Amino acid sequence: MPEFPLAVMDRLIRKVGKVRVSRGAALELSAVLEAYATDLAKEAIRLAEHRGAKTVTDIDIRAAASRIRA
């Protein structure tokens, strides 16, 4: 079962363009986003631990996102 609701994935795709969205497309987007979010969270946790913090902050998430995108 996907972590992200399929209705949300459907809306995200349709928000970009006025298209019909298959269930498979919504499922795949959910899987891809879940994998990206997991990688992002791992990197953010690593960054927080590196600075000696026990709490992941928005700054850690932003920094992790810029590292993963590069």
PDB file of N, CA and C in Angstrom:
ATOM      1  N   MET A   1       0.844  -1.185   0.000  1.00  0.00           N
ATOM      2  CA  MET A   1       0.000   0.000   0.000  1.00  0.00           C
ATOM      3  C   MET A   1       0.890   1.250   0.000  1.00  0.00           C
ATOM      4  N   PRO A   2       0.621   2.168  -0.892  1.00  0.00           N
ATOM      5  CA  PRO A   2       1.459   3.370  -0.978  1.00  0.00           C
ATOM      6  C   PRO A   2       1.260   4.289   0.227  1.00  0.00           C
ATOM      7  N   GLU A   3       2.329   4.992   0.581  1.00  0.00           N
ATOM      8  CA  GLU A   3       2.275   5.938   1.697  1.00  0.00           C
ATOM      9  C   GLU A   3       1.495   7.199   1.316  1.00  0.00           C
ATOM     10  N   PHE A   4       1.633   7.611   0.055  1.00  0.00           N
ATOM     11  CA  PHE A   4       0.954   8.820  -0.407  1.00  0.00           C
ATOM     12  C   PHE A   4      -0.385   8.435  -1.023  1.00  0.00           C
ATOM     13  N   PRO A   5      -1.468   9.087  -0.643  1.00  0.00           N
ATOM     14  CA  PRO A   5      -2.786   8.749  -1.185  1.00  0.00           C
ATOM     15  C   PRO A   5      -2.828   8.923  -2.707  1.00  0.00           C
ATOM     16  N   LEU A   6      -3.454   7.967  -3.376  1.00  0.00           N
ATOM     17  CA  LEU A   6      -3.518   8.006  -4.837  1.00  0.00           C
ATOM     18  C   LEU A   6      -4.298   9.217  -5.343  1.00  0.00           C
ATOM     19  N   ALA A   7      -5.289   9.653  -4.599  1.00  0.00           N
ATOM     20  CA  ALA A   7      -6.053  10.833  -5.015  1.00  0.00           C
ATOM     21  C   ALA A   7      -5.150  12.073  -5.059  1.00  0.00           C
ATOM     22  N   VAL A   8      -4.226  12.159  -4.121  1.00  0.00           N
ATOM     23  CA  VAL A   8      -3.294  13.284  -4.102  1.00  0.00           C
ATOM     24  C   VAL A   8      -2.355  13.200  -5.297  1.00  0.00           C
ATOM     25  N   MET A   9      -1.872  11.997  -5.604  1.00  0.00           N
ATOM     26  CA  MET A   9      -0.986  11.816  -6.764  1.00  0.00           C
ATOM     27  C   MET A   9      -1.718  12.191  -8.052  1.00  0.00           C
ATOM     28  N   ASP A  10      -2.979  11.777  -8.148  1.00  0.00           N
ATOM     29  CA  ASP A  10      -3.808  12.102  -9.308  1.00  0.00           C
ATOM     30  C   ASP A  10      -3.931  13.619  -9.459  1.00  0.00           C
ATOM     31  N   ARG A  11      -4.226  14.307  -8.352  1.00  0.00           N
ATOM     32  CA  ARG A  11      -4.360  15.775  -8.397  1.00  0.00           C
ATOM     33  C   ARG A  11      -3.052  16.459  -8.783  1.00  0.00           C
ATOM     34  N   LEU A  12      -1.939  15.961  -8.265  1.00  0.00           N
ATOM     35  CA  LEU A  12      -0.647  16.553  -8.611  1.00  0.00           C
ATOM     36  C   LEU A  12      -0.387  16.477 -10.115  1.00  0.00           C
ATOM     37  N   ILE A  13      -0.651  15.328 -10.700  1.00  0.00           N
ATOM     38  CA  ILE A  13      -0.429  15.166 -12.141  1.00  0.00           C
ATOM     39  C   ILE A  13      -1.383  16.064 -12.923  1.00  0.00           C
ATOM     40  N   ARG A  14      -2.657  16.051 -12.535  1.00  0.00           N
ATOM     41  CA  ARG A  14      -3.640  16.869 -13.258  1.00  0.00           C
ATOM     42  C   ARG A  14      -3.402  18.360 -13.067  1.00  0.00           C
ATOM     43  N   LYS A  15      -2.773  18.748 -11.977  1.00  0.00           N
ATOM     44  CA  LYS A  15      -2.475  20.162 -11.723  1.00  0.00           C
ATOM     45  C   LYS A  15      -1.479  20.699 -12.753  1.00  0.00           C
ATOM     46  N   VAL A  16      -0.591  19.842 -13.209  1.00  0.00           N
ATOM     47  CA  VAL A  16       0.423  20.229 -14.189  1.00  0.00           C
ATOM     48  C   VAL A  16      -0.182  20.356 -15.584  1.00  0.00           C
ATOM     49  N   GLY A  17      -1.123  19.503 -15.900  1.00  0.00           N
ATOM     50  CA  GLY A  17      -1.760  19.548 -17.212  1.00  0.00           C
ATOM     51  C   GLY A  17      -3.133  18.904 -17.158  1.00  0.00           C
ATOM     52  N   LYS A  18      -4.016  19.370 -17.987  1.00  0.00           N
ATOM     53  CA  LYS A  18      -5.384  18.838 -18.022  1.00  0.00           C
ATOM     54  C   LYS A  18      -5.381  17.495 -18.751  1.00  0.00           C
ATOM     55  N   VAL A  19      -5.042  16.434 -18.014  1.00  0.00           N
ATOM     56  CA  VAL A  19      -4.960  15.096 -18.594  1.00  0.00           C
ATOM     57  C   VAL A  19      -5.705  14.100 -17.719  1.00  0.00           C
ATOM     58  N   ARG A  20      -6.007  12.968 -18.297  1.00  0.00           N
ATOM     59  CA  ARG A  20      -6.547  11.864 -17.512  1.00  0.00           C
ATOM     60  C   ARG A  20      -5.368  11.111 -16.920  1.00  0.00           C
ATOM     61  N   VAL A  21      -5.562  10.569 -15.720  1.00  0.00           N
ATOM     62  CA  VAL A  21      -4.472   9.900 -15.014  1.00  0.00           C
ATOM     63  C   VAL A  21      -4.895   8.477 -14.669  1.00  0.00           C
ATOM     64  N   SER A  22      -4.076   7.506 -15.087  1.00  0.00           N
ATOM     65  CA  SER A  22      -4.386   6.114 -14.775  1.00  0.00           C
ATOM     66  C   SER A  22      -4.004   5.805 -13.333  1.00  0.00           C
ATOM     67  N   ARG A  23      -4.606   4.771 -12.803  1.00  0.00           N
ATOM     68  CA  ARG A  23      -4.270   4.315 -11.448  1.00  0.00           C
ATOM     69  C   ARG A  23      -2.794   3.937 -11.387  1.00  0.00           C
ATOM     70  N   GLY A  24      -2.299   3.308 -12.444  1.00  0.00           N
ATOM     71  CA  GLY A  24      -0.891   2.908 -12.488  1.00  0.00           C
ATOM     72  C   GLY A  24       0.044   4.102 -12.411  1.00  0.00           C
ATOM     73  N   ALA A  25      -0.313   5.193 -13.078  1.00  0.00           N
ATOM     74  CA  ALA A  25       0.511   6.397 -13.044  1.00  0.00           C
ATOM     75  C   ALA A  25       0.535   6.981 -11.632  1.00  0.00           C
ATOM     76  N   ALA A  26      -0.618   7.015 -10.985  1.00  0.00           N
ATOM     77  CA  ALA A  26      -0.694   7.531  -9.618  1.00  0.00           C
ATOM     78  C   ALA A  26       0.109   6.644  -8.661  1.00  0.00           C
ATOM     79  N   LEU A  27       0.021   5.323  -8.834  1.00  0.00           N
ATOM     80  CA  LEU A  27       0.791   4.399  -8.008  1.00  0.00           C
ATOM     81  C   LEU A  27       2.292   4.589  -8.208  1.00  0.00           C
ATOM     82  N   GLU A  28       2.703   4.742  -9.459  1.00  0.00           N
ATOM     83  CA  GLU A  28       4.135   4.907  -9.755  1.00  0.00           C
ATOM     84  C   GLU A  28       4.668   6.213  -9.191  1.00  0.00           C
ATOM     85  N   LEU A  29       3.901   7.298  -9.326  1.00  0.00           N
ATOM     86  CA  LEU A  29       4.334   8.569  -8.749  1.00  0.00           C
ATOM     87  C   LEU A  29       4.467   8.436  -7.238  1.00  0.00           C
ATOM     88  N   SER A  30       3.540   7.759  -6.613  1.00  0.00           N
ATOM     89  CA  SER A  30       3.599   7.543  -5.174  1.00  0.00           C
ATOM     90  C   SER A  30       4.856   6.774  -4.792  1.00  0.00           C
ATOM     91  N   ALA A  31       5.189   5.735  -5.536  1.00  0.00           N
ATOM     92  CA  ALA A  31       6.376   4.929  -5.249  1.00  0.00           C
ATOM     93  C   ALA A  31       7.654   5.743  -5.429  1.00  0.00           C
ATOM     94  N   VAL A  32       7.715   6.527  -6.497  1.00  0.00           N
ATOM     95  CA  VAL A  32       8.904   7.346  -6.762  1.00  0.00           C
ATOM     96  C   VAL A  32       9.071   8.402  -5.669  1.00  0.00           C
ATOM     97  N   LEU A  33       7.981   9.066  -5.309  1.00  0.00           N
ATOM     98  CA  LEU A  33       8.058  10.087  -4.257  1.00  0.00           C
ATOM     99  C   LEU A  33       8.426   9.485  -2.905  1.00  0.00           C
ATOM    100  N   GLU A  34       7.925   8.291  -2.632  1.00  0.00           N
ATOM    101  CA  GLU A  34       8.258   7.625  -1.372  1.00  0.00           C
ATOM    102  C   GLU A  34       9.757   7.302  -1.326  1.00  0.00           C
ATOM    103  N   ALA A  35      10.302   6.815  -2.419  1.00  0.00           N
ATOM    104  CA  ALA A  35      11.733   6.505  -2.472  1.00  0.00           C
ATOM    105  C   ALA A  35      12.560   7.779  -2.287  1.00  0.00           C
ATOM    106  N   TYR A  36      12.156   8.855  -2.971  1.00  0.00           N
ATOM    107  CA  TYR A  36      12.868  10.132  -2.840  1.00  0.00           C
ATOM    108  C   TYR A  36      12.768  10.648  -1.405  1.00  0.00           C
ATOM    109  N   ALA A  37      11.570  10.594  -0.823  1.00  0.00           N
ATOM    110  CA  ALA A  37      11.367  11.093   0.541  1.00  0.00           C
ATOM    111  C   ALA A  37      12.189  10.295   1.548  1.00  0.00           C
ATOM    112  N   THR A  38      12.315   9.002   1.334  1.00  0.00           N
ATOM    113  CA  THR A  38      13.116   8.167   2.224  1.00  0.00           C
ATOM    114  C   THR A  38      14.590   8.555   2.149  1.00  0.00           C
ATOM    115  N   ASP A  39      15.093   8.732   0.937  1.00  0.00           N
ATOM    116  CA  ASP A  39      16.483   9.157   0.757  1.00  0.00           C
ATOM    117  C   ASP A  39      16.710  10.538   1.380  1.00  0.00           C
ATOM    118  N   LEU A  40      15.759  11.425   1.163  1.00  0.00           N
ATOM    119  CA  LEU A  40      15.844  12.773   1.716  1.00  0.00           C
ATOM    120  C   LEU A  40      15.874  12.739   3.242  1.00  0.00           C
ATOM    121  N   ALA A  41      15.004  11.948   3.841  1.00  0.00           N
ATOM    122  CA  ALA A  41      14.949  11.841   5.304  1.00  0.00           C
ATOM    123  C   ALA A  41      16.255  11.274   5.859  1.00  0.00           C
ATOM    124  N   LYS A  42      16.800  10.248   5.196  1.00  0.00           N
ATOM    125  CA  LYS A  42      18.063   9.672   5.656  1.00  0.00           C
ATOM    126  C   LYS A  42      19.181  10.711   5.641  1.00  0.00           C
ATOM    127  N   GLU A  43      19.257  11.484   4.569  1.00  0.00           N
ATOM    128  CA  GLU A  43      20.288  12.515   4.465  1.00  0.00           C
ATOM    129  C   GLU A  43      20.068  13.613   5.503  1.00  0.00           C
ATOM    130  N   ALA A  44      18.818  14.015   5.726  1.00  0.00           N
ATOM    131  CA  ALA A  44      18.515  15.045   6.723  1.00  0.00           C
ATOM    132  C   ALA A  44      18.882  14.563   8.123  1.00  0.00           C
ATOM    133  N   ILE A  45      18.628  13.318   8.420  1.00  0.00           N
ATOM    134  CA  ILE A  45      19.000  12.748   9.721  1.00  0.00           C
ATOM    135  C   ILE A  45      20.514  12.747   9.869  1.00  0.00           C
ATOM    136  N   ARG A  46      21.216  12.359   8.806  1.00  0.00           N
ATOM    137  CA  ARG A  46      22.678  12.352   8.843  1.00  0.00           C
ATOM    138  C   ARG A  46      23.221  13.756   9.120  1.00  0.00           C
ATOM    139  N   LEU A  47      22.632  14.755   8.458  1.00  0.00           N
ATOM    140  CA  LEU A  47      23.074  16.141   8.661  1.00  0.00           C
ATOM    141  C   LEU A  47      22.787  16.624  10.084  1.00  0.00           C
ATOM    142  N   ALA A  48      21.625  16.284  10.604  1.00  0.00           N
ATOM    143  CA  ALA A  48      21.277  16.678  11.971  1.00  0.00           C
ATOM    144  C   ALA A  48      22.233  16.032  12.977  1.00  0.00           C
ATOM    145  N   GLU A  49      22.510  14.738  12.784  1.00  0.00           N
ATOM    146  CA  GLU A  49      23.430  14.043  13.681  1.00  0.00           C
ATOM    147  C   GLU A  49      24.838  14.634  13.589  1.00  0.00           C
ATOM    148  N   HIS A  50      25.235  15.025  12.392  1.00  0.00           N
ATOM    149  CA  HIS A  50      26.563  15.597  12.189  1.00  0.00           C
ATOM    150  C   HIS A  50      26.736  16.894  12.994  1.00  0.00           C
ATOM    151  N   ARG A  51      25.680  17.674  13.106  1.00  0.00           N
ATOM    152  CA  ARG A  51      25.778  18.913  13.879  1.00  0.00           C
ATOM    153  C   ARG A  51      25.430  18.696  15.352  1.00  0.00           C
ATOM    154  N   GLY A  52      25.233  17.434  15.743  1.00  0.00           N
ATOM    155  CA  GLY A  52      25.006  17.104  17.148  1.00  0.00           C
ATOM    156  C   GLY A  52      23.585  17.297  17.618  1.00  0.00           C
ATOM    157  N   ALA A  53      22.656  17.419  16.705  1.00  0.00           N
ATOM    158  CA  ALA A  53      21.256  17.646  17.069  1.00  0.00           C
ATOM    159  C   ALA A  53      20.491  16.329  17.136  1.00  0.00           C
ATOM    160  N   LYS A  54      19.459  16.318  17.949  1.00  0.00           N
ATOM    161  CA  LYS A  54      18.571  15.160  18.022  1.00  0.00           C
ATOM    162  C   LYS A  54      17.290  15.401  17.229  1.00  0.00           C
ATOM    163  N   THR A  55      17.098  16.637  16.792  1.00  0.00           N
ATOM    164  CA  THR A  55      15.893  17.013  16.059  1.00  0.00           C
ATOM    165  C   THR A  55      16.246  17.412  14.639  1.00  0.00           C
ATOM    166  N   VAL A  56      15.534  16.826  13.673  1.00  0.00           N
ATOM    167  CA  VAL A  56      15.690  17.213  12.269  1.00  0.00           C
ATOM    168  C   VAL A  56      14.862  18.474  12.056  1.00  0.00           C
ATOM    169  N   THR A  57      15.487  19.492  11.466  1.00  0.00           N
ATOM    170  CA  THR A  57      14.789  20.760  11.250  1.00  0.00           C
ATOM    171  C   THR A  57      14.548  20.998   9.765  1.00  0.00           C
ATOM    172  N   ASP A  58      13.811  22.061   9.478  1.00  0.00           N
ATOM    173  CA  ASP A  58      13.556  22.433   8.090  1.00  0.00           C
ATOM    174  C   ASP A  58      14.862  22.742   7.359  1.00  0.00           C
ATOM    175  N   ILE A  59      15.826  23.249   8.063  1.00  0.00           N
ATOM    176  CA  ILE A  59      17.123  23.556   7.459  1.00  0.00           C
ATOM    177  C   ILE A  59      17.818  22.264   7.027  1.00  0.00           C
ATOM    178  N   ASP A  60      17.711  21.217   7.842  1.00  0.00           N
ATOM    179  CA  ASP A  60      18.280  19.918   7.473  1.00  0.00           C
ATOM    180  C   ASP A  60      17.606  19.365   6.219  1.00  0.00           C
ATOM    181  N   ILE A  61      16.292  19.511   6.151  1.00  0.00           N
ATOM    182  CA  ILE A  61      15.556  19.022   4.980  1.00  0.00           C
ATOM    183  C   ILE A  61      15.993  19.779   3.733  1.00  0.00           C
ATOM    184  N   ARG A  62      16.079  21.110   3.826  1.00  0.00           N
ATOM    185  CA  ARG A  62      16.510  21.909   2.669  1.00  0.00           C
ATOM    186  C   ARG A  62      17.920  21.548   2.225  1.00  0.00           C
ATOM    187  N   ALA A  63      18.815  21.401   3.192  1.00  0.00           N
ATOM    188  CA  ALA A  63      20.197  21.051   2.868  1.00  0.00           C
ATOM    189  C   ALA A  63      20.261  19.659   2.236  1.00  0.00           C
ATOM    190  N   ALA A  64      19.519  18.727   2.773  1.00  0.00           N
ATOM    191  CA  ALA A  64      19.492  17.380   2.207  1.00  0.00           C
ATOM    192  C   ALA A  64      18.931  17.397   0.797  1.00  0.00           C
ATOM    193  N   ALA A  65      17.897  18.191   0.571  1.00  0.00           N
ATOM    194  CA  ALA A  65      17.299  18.281  -0.764  1.00  0.00           C
ATOM    195  C   ALA A  65      18.301  18.835  -1.777  1.00  0.00           C
ATOM    196  N   SER A  66      19.070  19.828  -1.379  1.00  0.00           N
ATOM    197  CA  SER A  66      20.045  20.403  -2.316  1.00  0.00           C
ATOM    198  C   SER A  66      21.174  19.407  -2.589  1.00  0.00           C
ATOM    199  N   ARG A  67      21.532  18.591  -1.614  1.00  0.00           N
ATOM    200  CA  ARG A  67      22.582  17.574  -1.813  1.00  0.00           C
ATOM    201  C   ARG A  67      22.084  16.447  -2.710  1.00  0.00           C
ATOM    202  N   ILE A  68      20.858  16.021  -2.526  1.00  0.00           N
ATOM    203  CA  ILE A  68      20.318  14.898  -3.300  1.00  0.00           C
ATOM    204  C   ILE A  68      20.065  15.301  -4.746  1.00  0.00           C
ATOM    205  N   ARG A  69      19.607  16.520  -4.971  1.00  0.00           N
ATOM    206  CA  ARG A  69      19.335  16.996  -6.338  1.00  0.00           C
ATOM    207  C   ARG A  69      20.598  17.114  -7.169  1.00  0.00           C
ATOM    208  N   ALA A  70      21.691  17.462  -6.514  1.00  0.00           N
ATOM    209  CA  ALA A  70      22.949  17.727  -7.241  1.00  0.00           C
ATOM    210  C   ALA A  70      23.521  16.494  -7.892  1.00  0.00           C
TER     211      ALA A  70
END
